[in-house]
């Protein structure tokens, strides 16, 4: 194992790797999301509608896509706050 294998990606690296593409989420009502790191805009595609959220910090975006329940995270941390 090389030293580079032991390096954990930074928040900036993880955001860059995931920004600008549809990210499927494991949820019964949230299909996917897309994040624009330049504008901090998060689009959340649901089964019946789409939410366009603005001012979402990169760490919040990463917490959302890493959450065990995307729906719970959305309701508790995103909806009505961005």
Protein backbone atom coordinates (compact mmCIF):
# COMPACT_ATOMS: atom_id res chain seq x y z
CA UNK A 1 0.00 0.00 0.00
CA UNK A 2 1.43 3.35 -1.00
CA UNK A 3 1.31 6.51 1.05
CA UNK A 4 -1.23 8.01 -1.40
CA UNK A 5 -3.62 5.12 -0.63
CA UNK A 6 -3.75 6.29 2.97
CA UNK A 7 -4.71 9.89 2.21
CA UNK A 8 -8.33 10.74 2.91
CA UNK A 9 -9.82 13.05 0.28
CA UNK A 10 -10.44 16.61 1.42
CA UNK A 11 -13.89 18.17 1.36
CA UNK A 12 -12.88 20.13 -1.74
CA UNK A 13 -11.75 16.94 -3.51
CA UNK A 14 -14.93 15.07 -2.61
CA UNK A 15 -17.13 17.97 -3.74
CA UNK A 16 -15.21 18.26 -7.02
CA UNK A 17 -15.58 14.51 -7.61
CA UNK A 18 -19.36 14.67 -7.10
CA UNK A 19 -20.35 18.12 -8.36
CA UNK A 20 -22.08 18.63 -11.68
CA UNK A 21 -23.48 15.12 -12.04
CA UNK A 22 -26.65 13.35 -11.00
CA UNK A 23 -26.04 11.36 -7.85
CA UNK A 24 -28.59 8.60 -7.25
CA UNK A 25 -29.76 8.37 -3.65
CA UNK A 26 -31.10 5.36 -1.85
CA UNK A 27 -34.52 6.66 -0.88
CA UNK A 28 -38.13 5.79 -1.52
CA UNK A 29 -38.99 9.37 -2.50
CA UNK A 30 -35.72 11.13 -3.38
CA UNK A 31 -34.38 9.95 -6.71
CA UNK A 32 -31.16 11.93 -7.10
CA UNK A 33 -29.40 15.20 -6.50
CA UNK A 34 -26.98 17.45 -8.33
CA UNK A 35 -24.64 20.01 -6.75
CA UNK A 36 -23.00 23.05 -8.33
CA UNK A 37 -19.96 23.89 -6.23
CA UNK A 38 -19.46 27.29 -7.88
CA UNK A 39 -22.89 28.58 -6.84
CA UNK A 40 -23.56 26.22 -3.92
CA UNK A 41 -26.85 25.23 -5.54
CA UNK A 42 -28.32 21.82 -4.77
CA UNK A 43 -31.08 20.33 -6.91
CA UNK A 44 -32.97 17.49 -5.27
CA UNK A 45 -35.08 15.36 -7.63
CA UNK A 46 -37.98 13.64 -5.93
CA UNK A 47 -40.60 11.27 -7.22
CA UNK A 48 -43.16 14.07 -7.61
CA UNK A 49 -41.22 17.35 -7.73
CA UNK A 50 -37.83 19.05 -7.69
CA UNK A 51 -36.34 21.31 -5.04
CA UNK A 52 -33.75 23.92 -6.00
CA UNK A 53 -31.82 24.93 -2.90
CA UNK A 54 -29.30 27.77 -2.79
CA UNK A 55 -26.46 28.60 -0.45
CA UNK A 56 -25.85 24.97 0.52
CA UNK A 57 -22.32 24.68 1.94
CA UNK A 58 -20.11 21.88 0.57
CA UNK A 59 -19.99 20.02 3.88
CA UNK A 60 -23.79 19.97 4.08
CA UNK A 61 -23.98 18.58 0.54
CA UNK A 62 -21.53 15.81 1.45
CA UNK A 63 -23.43 15.02 4.65
CA UNK A 64 -26.61 14.72 2.56
CA UNK A 65 -25.18 12.26 0.04
CA UNK A 66 -23.52 10.27 2.85
CA UNK A 67 -26.58 10.19 5.11
CA UNK A 68 -28.03 6.77 5.96
CA UNK A 69 -31.47 8.22 5.15
CA UNK A 70 -31.58 10.92 2.46
CA UNK A 71 -35.22 11.66 3.25
CA UNK A 72 -34.63 12.19 6.95
CA UNK A 73 -31.56 14.33 6.27
CA UNK A 74 -33.50 16.41 3.73
CA UNK A 75 -36.38 17.04 6.14
CA UNK A 76 -34.17 17.73 9.16
CA UNK A 77 -31.36 19.73 7.57
CA UNK A 78 -32.28 21.11 4.15
CA UNK A 79 -36.00 21.72 3.67
CA UNK A 80 -36.91 25.27 4.65
CA UNK A 81 -33.32 26.18 5.48
CA UNK A 82 -31.84 26.75 2.00
